[in-house]
Amino acid sequence: MIQIPRLALSLFTLAFGFYHAILGLTNIGAYSDAGYALIAIAIYLAALVAAVASMPGLRLKNAVAWWVLIACLFVPLFMSAAIYPNATYGYTTWHVSGVATIMAIVAVRQHPFIAWSGTLFLIVQTLIWGGLDVAFSSGVVGAFLLVLAAQATATLLARSADAAQEFLEQAVATEAATAATSAARQERQARIQETLAESLPLLELIAKRRGKLSVKDRMEAVLKEHELRDQIRGRALMHSDLIRAARAARSRGVEVQLLDDGGFDELAQPEIDKILKRVARELNRVTTGKVVIRASAGESWRLTMAALRKDADRPDLFLRL
């Protein structure tokens, strides 16, 4: 897309607007009252500069837009008093195109109501002054078309701005989600590496003793095996509190299964932490049997926790969070 520097565009617009004022000055001898014409030219130039130079942003400030409208209401009134009755020869009616130019600028700068109000006043006032005979010779039709084109441009600019903002929001959301996924992946990798590093001395001991381990070492080997399985199958369930609770429960003889089926994929980390801390507290109360903790996708709940015993008719604990 070709981008035009704003300063260059503003200078071009000012130059185009000054052209109408120059036409007014060069025809100063054609007016019945040059004083009124000079006042109209001064008001016009002030309104033009305010409409173009007001910063920042595309949308013109409300106070400036209303001031520009009021100023442009007086320009045709003063010019009507300055021009000989029905004298539309040459460029004596420069103000019609001039005011239309300012209203077009106001329309582009996102004030359509003010732009059309000023344009309609200009057209009605000109027709009252000169009648239908001046409809074409004074530039009224061109003024209407100019503001109409400016309004179409303003609509396109507004849609483009909305589309750009929507694209920016989507890009930020995508970047944030990517960063979160990357961070979670890196955290899981770090935990796996940490678990492997902790398991390495035990593996060396197994190799050294050729599998002949003490009861304590066998228990440690079993716990490490479960922790490695948790890292693979548990994924988002790998919260420090739950890891400690699962290790403690297994040390008591409780069978613990951690299964992540995507139930936390759309949750923020603070909410995940809150759920898993509660699960860890509940797991610390279990003394026997089997506990299955599953994060399920596609359900109205995010996680289920069931504590079961073989000789029990129903679960000792069943949670849906």
C-alpha atoms as a PDB file:
ATOM      1  CA  MET A   1       0.000   0.000   0.000  1.00  0.00           C
ATOM      2  CA  ILE A   2       1.339   3.473  -0.895  1.00  0.00           C
ATOM      3  CA  GLN A   3       1.567   5.733   2.160  1.00  0.00           C
ATOM      4  CA  ILE A   4       1.568   9.536   1.799  1.00  0.00           C
ATOM      5  CA  PRO A   5       3.315  11.486   4.575  1.00  0.00           C
ATOM      6  CA  ARG A   6       0.775  13.443   6.580  1.00  0.00           C
ATOM      7  CA  LEU A   7       2.747  16.691   6.389  1.00  0.00           C
ATOM      8  CA  ALA A   8       2.864  16.537   2.585  1.00  0.00           C
ATOM      9  CA  LEU A   9      -0.866  15.795   2.408  1.00  0.00           C
ATOM     10  CA  SER A  10      -1.662  18.683   4.779  1.00  0.00           C
ATOM     11  CA  LEU A  11       0.476  21.113   2.766  1.00  0.00           C
ATOM     12  CA  PHE A  12      -1.206  20.042  -0.464  1.00  0.00           C
ATOM     13  CA  THR A  13      -4.649  20.511   1.094  1.00  0.00           C
ATOM     14  CA  LEU A  14      -3.718  23.962   2.412  1.00  0.00           C
ATOM     15  CA  ALA A  15      -2.364  24.958  -0.991  1.00  0.00           C
ATOM     16  CA  PHE A  16      -5.607  23.852  -2.653  1.00  0.00           C
ATOM     17  CA  GLY A  17      -7.619  25.806  -0.091  1.00  0.00           C
ATOM     18  CA  PHE A  18      -5.434  28.928  -0.431  1.00  0.00           C
ATOM     19  CA  TYR A  19      -6.090  28.840  -4.156  1.00  0.00           C
ATOM     20  CA  HIS A  20      -9.738  29.753  -3.546  1.00  0.00           C
ATOM     21  CA  ALA A  21      -8.722  32.641  -1.303  1.00  0.00           C
ATOM     22  CA  ILE A  22      -6.331  33.906  -3.988  1.00  0.00           C
ATOM     23  CA  LEU A  23      -9.198  33.836  -6.493  1.00  0.00           C
ATOM     24  CA  GLY A  24     -11.200  35.929  -4.075  1.00  0.00           C
ATOM     25  CA  LEU A  25      -8.393  38.483  -3.707  1.00  0.00           C
ATOM     26  CA  THR A  26      -7.768  38.749  -7.450  1.00  0.00           C
ATOM     27  CA  ASN A  27     -11.447  39.588  -7.972  1.00  0.00           C
ATOM     28  CA  ILE A  28     -11.570  42.181  -5.217  1.00  0.00           C
ATOM     29  CA  GLY A  29     -12.477  44.917  -7.732  1.00  0.00           C
ATOM     30  CA  ALA A  30     -15.575  43.028  -8.850  1.00  0.00           C
ATOM     31  CA  TYR A  31     -17.315  43.300  -5.492  1.00  0.00           C
ATOM     32  CA  SER A  32     -19.790  45.989  -4.526  1.00  0.00           C
ATOM     33  CA  ASP A  33     -18.261  46.047  -1.013  1.00  0.00           C
ATOM     34  CA  ALA A  34     -14.634  44.893  -0.843  1.00  0.00           C
ATOM     35  CA  GLY A  35     -14.657  45.151   2.963  1.00  0.00           C
ATOM     36  CA  TYR A  36     -17.145  42.328   3.344  1.00  0.00           C
ATOM     37  CA  ALA A  37     -15.137  40.238   0.868  1.00  0.00           C
ATOM     38  CA  LEU A  38     -11.905  40.749   2.821  1.00  0.00           C
ATOM     39  CA  ILE A  39     -13.641  39.739   6.061  1.00  0.00           C
ATOM     40  CA  ALA A  40     -15.015  36.609   4.355  1.00  0.00           C
ATOM     41  CA  ILE A  41     -11.555  35.738   3.029  1.00  0.00           C
ATOM     42  CA  ALA A  42      -9.979  36.146   6.486  1.00  0.00           C
ATOM     43  CA  ILE A  43     -12.648  33.963   8.145  1.00  0.00           C
ATOM     44  CA  TYR A  44     -12.280  31.384   5.390  1.00  0.00           C
ATOM     45  CA  LEU A  45      -8.495  31.161   5.821  1.00  0.00           C
ATOM     46  CA  ALA A  46      -8.814  30.812   9.597  1.00  0.00           C
ATOM     47  CA  ALA A  47     -11.340  28.009   9.203  1.00  0.00           C
ATOM     48  CA  LEU A  48      -9.177  26.282   6.567  1.00  0.00           C
ATOM     49  CA  VAL A  49      -6.053  26.298   8.738  1.00  0.00           C
ATOM     50  CA  ALA A  50      -8.018  25.052  11.766  1.00  0.00           C
ATOM     51  CA  ALA A  51      -9.586  22.207   9.778  1.00  0.00           C
ATOM     52  CA  VAL A  52      -6.271  21.043   8.312  1.00  0.00           C
ATOM     53  CA  ALA A  53      -3.710  21.751  11.029  1.00  0.00           C
ATOM     54  CA  SER A  54      -5.606  20.544  14.116  1.00  0.00           C
ATOM     55  CA  MET A  55      -3.741  17.568  15.581  1.00  0.00           C
ATOM     56  CA  PRO A  56      -3.383  14.780  16.586  1.00  0.00           C
ATOM     57  CA  GLY A  57      -5.306  11.964  14.940  1.00  0.00           C
ATOM     58  CA  LEU A  58      -7.560  11.765  11.927  1.00  0.00           C
ATOM     59  CA  ARG A  59     -10.749  12.751  13.768  1.00  0.00           C
ATOM     60  CA  LEU A  60     -11.068  16.492  14.223  1.00  0.00           C
ATOM     61  CA  LYS A  61     -11.665  17.657  17.779  1.00  0.00           C
ATOM     62  CA  ASN A  62     -15.320  18.438  18.412  1.00  0.00           C
ATOM     63  CA  ALA A  63     -14.701  22.030  19.491  1.00  0.00           C
ATOM     64  CA  VAL A  64     -12.595  22.739  16.395  1.00  0.00           C
ATOM     65  CA  ALA A  65     -15.144  21.086  14.088  1.00  0.00           C
ATOM     66  CA  TRP A  66     -18.003  23.180  15.460  1.00  0.00           C
ATOM     67  CA  TRP A  67     -15.902  26.369  15.268  1.00  0.00           C
ATOM     68  CA  VAL A  68     -15.086  25.610  11.625  1.00  0.00           C
ATOM     69  CA  LEU A  69     -18.797  25.138  10.880  1.00  0.00           C
ATOM     70  CA  ILE A  70     -19.758  28.457  12.485  1.00  0.00           C
ATOM     71  CA  ALA A  71     -16.989  30.244  10.585  1.00  0.00           C
ATOM     72  CA  CYS A  72     -18.125  28.717   7.303  1.00  0.00           C
ATOM     73  CA  LEU A  73     -21.696  29.853   7.931  1.00  0.00           C
ATOM     74  CA  PHE A  74     -20.541  33.483   7.957  1.00  0.00           C
ATOM     75  CA  VAL A  75     -18.392  33.261   4.792  1.00  0.00           C
ATOM     76  CA  PRO A  76     -21.313  32.965   2.295  1.00  0.00           C
ATOM     77  CA  LEU A  77     -23.286  35.568   4.255  1.00  0.00           C
ATOM     78  CA  PHE A  78     -20.494  38.147   3.975  1.00  0.00           C
ATOM     79  CA  MET A  79     -19.886  37.240   0.322  1.00  0.00           C
ATOM     80  CA  SER A  80     -23.564  37.658  -0.501  1.00  0.00           C
ATOM     81  CA  ALA A  81     -23.320  41.185   0.855  1.00  0.00           C
ATOM     82  CA  ALA A  82     -20.082  41.846  -1.041  1.00  0.00           C
ATOM     83  CA  ILE A  83     -21.146  40.677  -4.532  1.00  0.00           C
ATOM     84  CA  TYR A  84     -23.299  42.676  -6.897  1.00  0.00           C
ATOM     85  CA  PRO A  85     -26.765  41.108  -7.189  1.00  0.00           C
ATOM     86  CA  ASN A  86     -26.630  38.092  -9.532  1.00  0.00           C
ATOM     87  CA  ALA A  87     -22.962  38.847 -10.390  1.00  0.00           C
ATOM     88  CA  THR A  88     -21.666  35.322 -10.871  1.00  0.00           C
ATOM     89  CA  TYR A  89     -19.155  36.018 -13.628  1.00  0.00           C
ATOM     90  CA  GLY A  90     -15.503  35.074 -13.280  1.00  0.00           C
ATOM     91  CA  TYR A  91     -14.515  33.802  -9.837  1.00  0.00           C
ATOM     92  CA  THR A  92     -16.585  36.135  -7.699  1.00  0.00           C
ATOM     93  CA  THR A  93     -18.324  33.097  -6.167  1.00  0.00           C
ATOM     94  CA  TRP A  94     -15.013  31.489  -5.140  1.00  0.00           C
ATOM     95  CA  HIS A  95     -16.428  30.991  -1.652  1.00  0.00           C
ATOM     96  CA  VAL A  96     -18.781  28.237  -2.842  1.00  0.00           C
ATOM     97  CA  SER A  97     -15.911  25.947  -3.810  1.00  0.00           C
ATOM     98  CA  GLY A  98     -13.853  27.219  -0.883  1.00  0.00           C
ATOM     99  CA  VAL A  99     -16.433  26.395   1.788  1.00  0.00           C
ATOM    100  CA  ALA A 100     -17.150  23.061   0.082  1.00  0.00           C
ATOM    101  CA  THR A 101     -13.432  22.271   0.300  1.00  0.00           C
ATOM    102  CA  ILE A 102     -13.440  22.901   4.050  1.00  0.00           C
ATOM    103  CA  MET A 103     -16.581  20.827   4.528  1.00  0.00           C
ATOM    104  CA  ALA A 104     -14.932  18.023   2.539  1.00  0.00           C
ATOM    105  CA  ILE A 105     -11.963  18.181   4.916  1.00  0.00           C
ATOM    106  CA  VAL A 106     -14.317  18.045   7.902  1.00  0.00           C
ATOM    107  CA  ALA A 107     -16.062  15.011   6.383  1.00  0.00           C
ATOM    108  CA  VAL A 108     -12.767  13.179   5.869  1.00  0.00           C
ATOM    109  CA  ARG A 109     -11.858  14.010   9.449  1.00  0.00           C
ATOM    110  CA  GLN A 110     -14.869  12.034  10.702  1.00  0.00           C
ATOM    111  CA  HIS A 111     -17.550  14.727  11.248  1.00  0.00           C
ATOM    112  CA  PRO A 112     -20.170  13.924   8.575  1.00  0.00           C
ATOM    113  CA  PHE A 113     -23.055  15.701  10.338  1.00  0.00           C
ATOM    114  CA  ILE A 114     -21.153  18.974  10.594  1.00  0.00           C
ATOM    115  CA  ALA A 115     -19.864  18.654   7.023  1.00  0.00           C
ATOM    116  CA  TRP A 116     -23.307  18.127   5.534  1.00  0.00           C
ATOM    117  CA  SER A 117     -24.866  20.817   7.714  1.00  0.00           C
ATOM    118  CA  GLY A 118     -22.385  23.373   6.410  1.00  0.00           C
ATOM    119  CA  THR A 119     -22.807  22.166   2.829  1.00  0.00           C
ATOM    120  CA  LEU A 120     -26.605  22.329   2.928  1.00  0.00           C
ATOM    121  CA  PHE A 121     -26.488  25.819   4.434  1.00  0.00           C
ATOM    122  CA  LEU A 122     -24.093  26.913   1.676  1.00  0.00           C
ATOM    123  CA  ILE A 123     -26.331  25.499  -1.072  1.00  0.00           C
ATOM    124  CA  VAL A 124     -29.575  26.915   0.348  1.00  0.00           C
ATOM    125  CA  GLN A 125     -28.051  30.325   1.038  1.00  0.00           C
ATOM    126  CA  THR A 126     -26.548  30.505  -2.466  1.00  0.00           C
ATOM    127  CA  LEU A 127     -29.847  29.570  -4.114  1.00  0.00           C
ATOM    128  CA  ILE A 128     -31.726  32.114  -1.996  1.00  0.00           C
ATOM    129  CA  TRP A 129     -29.229  34.776  -3.014  1.00  0.00           C
ATOM    130  CA  GLY A 130     -29.050  33.999  -6.717  1.00  0.00           C
ATOM    131  CA  GLY A 131     -31.991  31.748  -7.463  1.00  0.00           C
ATOM    132  CA  LEU A 132     -31.902  28.593  -9.583  1.00  0.00           C
ATOM    133  CA  ASP A 133     -30.043  30.472 -12.320  1.00  0.00           C
ATOM    134  CA  VAL A 134     -26.803  30.289 -10.294  1.00  0.00           C
ATOM    135  CA  ALA A 135     -27.105  26.575  -9.531  1.00  0.00           C
ATOM    136  CA  PHE A 136     -24.495  25.713 -12.167  1.00  0.00           C
ATOM    137  CA  SER A 137     -22.594  28.958 -12.665  1.00  0.00           C
ATOM    138  CA  SER A 138     -21.734  29.369  -8.971  1.00  0.00           C
ATOM    139  CA  GLY A 139     -20.328  25.852  -8.455  1.00  0.00           C
ATOM    140  CA  VAL A 140     -23.065  24.591  -6.131  1.00  0.00           C
ATOM    141  CA  VAL A 141     -23.335  21.233  -7.911  1.00  0.00           C
ATOM    142  CA  GLY A 142     -19.581  20.742  -7.761  1.00  0.00           C
ATOM    143  CA  ALA A 143     -19.623  21.618  -4.059  1.00  0.00           C
ATOM    144  CA  PHE A 144     -22.202  18.914  -3.369  1.00  0.00           C
ATOM    145  CA  LEU A 145     -20.253  16.299  -5.347  1.00  0.00           C
ATOM    146  CA  LEU A 146     -16.992  17.249  -3.612  1.00  0.00           C
ATOM    147  CA  VAL A 147     -18.431  16.713  -0.146  1.00  0.00           C
ATOM    148  CA  LEU A 148     -20.132  13.503  -1.301  1.00  0.00           C
ATOM    149  CA  ALA A 149     -16.797  12.127  -2.503  1.00  0.00           C
ATOM    150  CA  ALA A 150     -15.147  13.189   0.739  1.00  0.00           C
ATOM    151  CA  GLN A 151     -17.842  11.395   2.731  1.00  0.00           C
ATOM    152  CA  ALA A 152     -17.187   8.198   0.772  1.00  0.00           C
ATOM    153  CA  THR A 153     -13.472   8.558   1.499  1.00  0.00           C
ATOM    154  CA  ALA A 154     -14.191   9.115   5.190  1.00  0.00           C
ATOM    155  CA  THR A 155     -16.284   5.928   5.319  1.00  0.00           C
ATOM    156  CA  LEU A 156     -13.472   3.913   3.735  1.00  0.00           C
ATOM    157  CA  LEU A 157     -10.931   5.385   6.148  1.00  0.00           C
ATOM    158  CA  ALA A 158     -13.120   4.523   9.134  1.00  0.00           C
ATOM    159  CA  ARG A 159     -13.570   0.950   7.921  1.00  0.00           C
ATOM    160  CA  SER A 160      -9.840   0.630   7.296  1.00  0.00           C
ATOM    161  CA  ALA A 161      -9.088   1.934  10.789  1.00  0.00           C
ATOM    162  CA  ASP A 162     -11.541  -0.553  12.325  1.00  0.00           C
ATOM    163  CA  ALA A 163     -10.059  -3.395  10.284  1.00  0.00           C
ATOM    164  CA  ALA A 164      -6.542  -2.371  11.275  1.00  0.00           C
ATOM    165  CA  GLN A 165      -7.511  -2.212  14.949  1.00  0.00           C
ATOM    166  CA  GLU A 166      -9.182  -5.624  14.747  1.00  0.00           C
ATOM    167  CA  PHE A 167      -6.129  -7.070  13.016  1.00  0.00           C
ATOM    168  CA  LEU A 168      -3.881  -5.542  15.683  1.00  0.00           C
ATOM    169  CA  GLU A 169      -5.977  -7.006  18.498  1.00  0.00           C
ATOM    170  CA  GLN A 170      -5.934 -10.434  16.830  1.00  0.00           C
ATOM    171  CA  ALA A 171      -2.181 -10.212  16.309  1.00  0.00           C
ATOM    172  CA  VAL A 172      -1.622  -9.276  19.955  1.00  0.00           C
ATOM    173  CA  ALA A 173      -3.893 -12.102  21.123  1.00  0.00           C
ATOM    174  CA  THR A 174      -2.137 -14.587  18.838  1.00  0.00           C
ATOM    175  CA  GLU A 175       1.268 -13.436  20.007  1.00  0.00           C
ATOM    176  CA  ALA A 176       0.204 -13.685  23.643  1.00  0.00           C
ATOM    177  CA  ALA A 177      -1.211 -17.189  23.106  1.00  0.00           C
ATOM    178  CA  THR A 178       1.952 -18.253  21.285  1.00  0.00           C
ATOM    179  CA  ALA A 179       4.112 -16.854  24.058  1.00  0.00           C
ATOM    180  CA  ALA A 180       2.018 -18.609  26.696  1.00  0.00           C
ATOM    181  CA  THR A 181       2.190 -21.914  24.801  1.00  0.00           C
ATOM    182  CA  SER A 182       5.918 -21.539  24.321  1.00  0.00           C
ATOM    183  CA  ALA A 183       6.401 -20.712  27.996  1.00  0.00           C
ATOM    184  CA  ALA A 184       4.313 -23.705  29.044  1.00  0.00           C
ATOM    185  CA  ARG A 185       6.249 -25.967  26.687  1.00  0.00           C
ATOM    186  CA  GLN A 186       9.569 -24.682  27.993  1.00  0.00           C
ATOM    187  CA  GLU A 187       8.392 -25.160  31.568  1.00  0.00           C
ATOM    188  CA  ARG A 188       7.362 -28.774  30.849  1.00  0.00           C
ATOM    189  CA  GLN A 189      10.677 -29.454  29.148  1.00  0.00           C
ATOM    190  CA  ALA A 190      12.522 -27.983  32.116  1.00  0.00           C
ATOM    191  CA  ARG A 191      10.525 -30.214  34.494  1.00  0.00           C
ATOM    192  CA  ILE A 192      11.222 -33.302  32.390  1.00  0.00           C
ATOM    193  CA  GLN A 193      14.914 -32.495  32.297  1.00  0.00           C
ATOM    194  CA  GLU A 194      14.879 -31.893  36.031  1.00  0.00           C
ATOM    195  CA  THR A 195      13.134 -35.230  36.639  1.00  0.00           C
ATOM    196  CA  LEU A 196      15.595 -37.022  34.356  1.00  0.00           C
ATOM    197  CA  ALA A 197      18.518 -35.352  36.099  1.00  0.00           C
ATOM    198  CA  GLU A 198      17.143 -36.476  39.463  1.00  0.00           C
ATOM    199  CA  SER A 199      16.607 -39.998  38.083  1.00  0.00           C
ATOM    200  CA  LEU A 200      20.110 -40.347  36.650  1.00  0.00           C
ATOM    201  CA  PRO A 201      21.810 -41.279  39.961  1.00  0.00           C
ATOM    202  CA  LEU A 202      19.105 -43.876  40.585  1.00  0.00           C
ATOM    203  CA  LEU A 203      19.551 -45.338  37.094  1.00  0.00           C
ATOM    204  CA  GLU A 204      23.307 -45.507  37.628  1.00  0.00           C
ATOM    205  CA  LEU A 205      22.679 -47.269  40.944  1.00  0.00           C
ATOM    206  CA  ILE A 206      20.378 -49.815  39.243  1.00  0.00           C
ATOM    207  CA  ALA A 207      23.013 -50.489  36.601  1.00  0.00           C
ATOM    208  CA  LYS A 208      25.773 -50.749  39.195  1.00  0.00           C
ATOM    209  CA  ARG A 209      23.833 -53.218  41.372  1.00  0.00           C
ATOM    210  CA  ARG A 210      22.353 -55.017  38.366  1.00  0.00           C
ATOM    211  CA  GLY A 211      18.804 -54.485  39.585  1.00  0.00           C
ATOM    212  CA  LYS A 212      19.406 -55.670  43.136  1.00  0.00           C
ATOM    213  CA  LEU A 213      17.976 -52.739  45.076  1.00  0.00           C
ATOM    214  CA  SER A 214      16.930 -52.182  48.638  1.00  0.00           C
ATOM    215  CA  VAL A 215      13.265 -51.677  49.492  1.00  0.00           C
ATOM    216  CA  LYS A 216      13.846 -47.946  49.811  1.00  0.00           C
ATOM    217  CA  ASP A 217      15.591 -47.753  46.449  1.00  0.00           C
ATOM    218  CA  ARG A 218      12.862 -49.807  44.796  1.00  0.00           C
ATOM    219  CA  MET A 219      10.237 -47.411  46.150  1.00  0.00           C
ATOM    220  CA  GLU A 220      12.250 -44.448  44.849  1.00  0.00           C
ATOM    221  CA  ALA A 221      12.517 -46.105  41.432  1.00  0.00           C
ATOM    222  CA  VAL A 222       8.757 -46.652  41.307  1.00  0.00           C
ATOM    223  CA  LEU A 223       8.088 -43.052  42.287  1.00  0.00           C
ATOM    224  CA  LYS A 224      10.457 -41.761  39.611  1.00  0.00           C
ATOM    225  CA  GLU A 225       8.745 -43.936  37.017  1.00  0.00           C
ATOM    226  CA  HIS A 226       5.361 -42.487  37.932  1.00  0.00           C
ATOM    227  CA  GLU A 227       6.722 -38.960  37.841  1.00  0.00           C
ATOM    228  CA  LEU A 228       8.070 -39.494  34.343  1.00  0.00           C
ATOM    229  CA  ARG A 229       4.666 -40.832  33.275  1.00  0.00           C
ATOM    230  CA  ASP A 230       3.022 -37.770  34.823  1.00  0.00           C
ATOM    231  CA  GLN A 231       5.273 -35.468  32.812  1.00  0.00           C
ATOM    232  CA  ILE A 232       4.176 -37.204  29.598  1.00  0.00           C
ATOM    233  CA  ARG A 233       0.453 -37.659  30.302  1.00  0.00           C
ATOM    234  CA  GLY A 234      -0.211 -34.916  32.841  1.00  0.00           C
ATOM    235  CA  ARG A 235       1.055 -31.866  30.903  1.00  0.00           C
ATOM    236  CA  ALA A 236      -0.911 -28.874  32.292  1.00  0.00           C
ATOM    237  CA  LEU A 237      -1.538 -30.777  35.552  1.00  0.00           C
ATOM    238  CA  MET A 238       2.148 -30.480  36.433  1.00  0.00           C
ATOM    239  CA  HIS A 239       1.710 -27.967  39.225  1.00  0.00           C
ATOM    240  CA  SER A 240       4.279 -27.988  42.041  1.00  0.00           C
ATOM    241  CA  ASP A 241       1.652 -28.530  44.758  1.00  0.00           C
ATOM    242  CA  LEU A 242       0.024 -31.409  42.872  1.00  0.00           C
ATOM    243  CA  ILE A 243       3.405 -33.008  42.070  1.00  0.00           C
ATOM    244  CA  ARG A 244       4.306 -33.058  45.760  1.00  0.00           C
ATOM    245  CA  ALA A 245       0.848 -34.318  46.750  1.00  0.00           C
ATOM    246  CA  ALA A 246       1.000 -37.133  44.158  1.00  0.00           C
ATOM    247  CA  ARG A 247       4.455 -38.234  45.361  1.00  0.00           C
ATOM    248  CA  ALA A 248       3.302 -38.223  48.973  1.00  0.00           C
ATOM    249  CA  ALA A 249       0.131 -40.177  48.102  1.00  0.00           C
ATOM    250  CA  ARG A 250       2.103 -42.807  46.207  1.00  0.00           C
ATOM    251  CA  SER A 251       4.450 -43.120  49.162  1.00  0.00           C
ATOM    252  CA  ARG A 252       1.352 -44.004  51.235  1.00  0.00           C
ATOM    253  CA  GLY A 253       0.419 -46.694  48.722  1.00  0.00           C
ATOM    254  CA  VAL A 254      -2.223 -44.726  46.836  1.00  0.00           C
ATOM    255  CA  GLU A 255      -2.305 -45.249  43.072  1.00  0.00           C
ATOM    256  CA  VAL A 256      -2.460 -41.866  41.337  1.00  0.00           C
ATOM    257  CA  GLN A 257      -3.144 -41.184  37.660  1.00  0.00           C
ATOM    258  CA  LEU A 258      -2.784 -37.724  36.137  1.00  0.00           C
ATOM    259  CA  LEU A 259      -4.321 -37.325  32.674  1.00  0.00           C
ATOM    260  CA  ASP A 260      -4.542 -34.093  30.692  1.00  0.00           C
ATOM    261  CA  ASP A 261      -6.960 -34.306  27.748  1.00  0.00           C
ATOM    262  CA  GLY A 262      -6.950 -30.556  27.011  1.00  0.00           C
ATOM    263  CA  GLY A 263      -9.349 -29.352  29.667  1.00  0.00           C
ATOM    264  CA  PHE A 264      -7.124 -26.412  30.587  1.00  0.00           C
ATOM    265  CA  ASP A 265      -6.286 -25.254  27.062  1.00  0.00           C
ATOM    266  CA  GLU A 266      -8.539 -22.183  27.222  1.00  0.00           C
ATOM    267  CA  LEU A 267      -7.986 -21.275  30.879  1.00  0.00           C
ATOM    268  CA  ALA A 268      -5.707 -18.568  32.232  1.00  0.00           C
ATOM    269  CA  GLN A 269      -2.850 -19.687  34.443  1.00  0.00           C
ATOM    270  CA  PRO A 270      -4.227 -18.120  37.675  1.00  0.00           C
ATOM    271  CA  GLU A 271      -7.463 -20.120  37.304  1.00  0.00           C
ATOM    272  CA  ILE A 272      -5.485 -23.309  36.593  1.00  0.00           C
ATOM    273  CA  ASP A 273      -3.369 -22.734  39.691  1.00  0.00           C
ATOM    274  CA  LYS A 274      -6.485 -22.257  41.813  1.00  0.00           C
ATOM    275  CA  ILE A 275      -8.025 -25.553  40.619  1.00  0.00           C
ATOM    276  CA  LEU A 276      -4.840 -27.590  41.002  1.00  0.00           C
ATOM    277  CA  LYS A 277      -4.111 -26.264  44.483  1.00  0.00           C
ATOM    278  CA  ARG A 278      -7.536 -27.464  45.609  1.00  0.00           C
ATOM    279  CA  VAL A 279      -6.959 -30.856  43.943  1.00  0.00           C
ATOM    280  CA  ALA A 280      -3.616 -31.141  45.750  1.00  0.00           C
ATOM    281  CA  ARG A 281      -5.316 -30.455  49.110  1.00  0.00           C
ATOM    282  CA  GLU A 282      -7.941 -33.121  48.419  1.00  0.00           C
ATOM    283  CA  LEU A 283      -5.283 -35.625  47.330  1.00  0.00           C
ATOM    284  CA  ASN A 284      -3.378 -35.104  50.579  1.00  0.00           C
ATOM    285  CA  ARG A 285      -6.461 -36.434  52.437  1.00  0.00           C
ATOM    286  CA  VAL A 286      -6.597 -39.728  50.504  1.00  0.00           C
ATOM    287  CA  THR A 287      -4.919 -42.616  52.348  1.00  0.00           C
ATOM    288  CA  THR A 288      -5.772 -45.659  50.253  1.00  0.00           C
ATOM    289  CA  GLY A 289      -7.157 -46.850  46.942  1.00  0.00           C
ATOM    290  CA  LYS A 290      -6.810 -45.219  43.547  1.00  0.00           C
ATOM    291  CA  VAL A 291      -7.157 -41.586  42.495  1.00  0.00           C
ATOM    292  CA  VAL A 292      -7.784 -40.528  38.894  1.00  0.00           C
ATOM    293  CA  ILE A 293      -7.366 -36.833  38.062  1.00  0.00           C
ATOM    294  CA  ARG A 294      -8.373 -35.914  34.501  1.00  0.00           C
ATOM    295  CA  ALA A 295      -8.607 -32.556  32.710  1.00  0.00           C
ATOM    296  CA  SER A 296     -11.259 -33.129  30.035  1.00  0.00           C
ATOM    297  CA  ALA A 297     -12.065 -30.969  27.025  1.00  0.00           C
ATOM    298  CA  GLY A 298     -15.555 -30.466  25.621  1.00  0.00           C
ATOM    299  CA  GLU A 299     -17.349 -30.602  28.975  1.00  0.00           C
ATOM    300  CA  SER A 300     -19.005 -27.967  31.129  1.00  0.00           C
ATOM    301  CA  TRP A 301     -16.338 -28.707  33.754  1.00  0.00           C
ATOM    302  CA  ARG A 302     -12.571 -28.532  33.399  1.00  0.00           C
ATOM    303  CA  LEU A 303     -11.375 -31.324  35.670  1.00  0.00           C
ATOM    304  CA  THR A 304     -12.663 -34.432  37.424  1.00  0.00           C
ATOM    305  CA  MET A 305     -11.153 -36.113  40.450  1.00  0.00           C
ATOM    306  CA  ALA A 306     -12.288 -39.518  41.674  1.00  0.00           C
ATOM    307  CA  ALA A 307     -10.937 -41.431  44.679  1.00  0.00           C
ATOM    308  CA  LEU A 308     -11.867 -45.143  44.498  1.00  0.00           C
ATOM    309  CA  ARG A 309     -11.469 -48.249  46.670  1.00  0.00           C
ATOM    310  CA  LYS A 310     -12.026 -51.792  45.448  1.00  0.00           C
ATOM    311  CA  ASP A 311     -14.305 -52.713  48.332  1.00  0.00           C
ATOM    312  CA  ALA A 312     -16.369 -49.497  48.175  1.00  0.00           C
ATOM    313  CA  ASP A 313     -19.769 -49.213  46.484  1.00  0.00           C
ATOM    314  CA  ARG A 314     -19.143 -45.641  45.408  1.00  0.00           C
ATOM    315  CA  PRO A 315     -16.187 -43.235  45.176  1.00  0.00           C
ATOM    316  CA  ASP A 316     -14.883 -41.833  48.433  1.00  0.00           C
ATOM    317  CA  LEU A 317     -14.417 -38.546  46.604  1.00  0.00           C
ATOM    318  CA  PHE A 318     -15.728 -37.232  43.313  1.00  0.00           C
ATOM    319  CA  LEU A 319     -15.174 -33.674  42.151  1.00  0.00           C
ATOM    320  CA  ARG A 320     -16.029 -31.735  39.005  1.00  0.00           C
ATOM    321  CA  LEU A 321     -14.277 -28.387  38.826  1.00  0.00           C
END
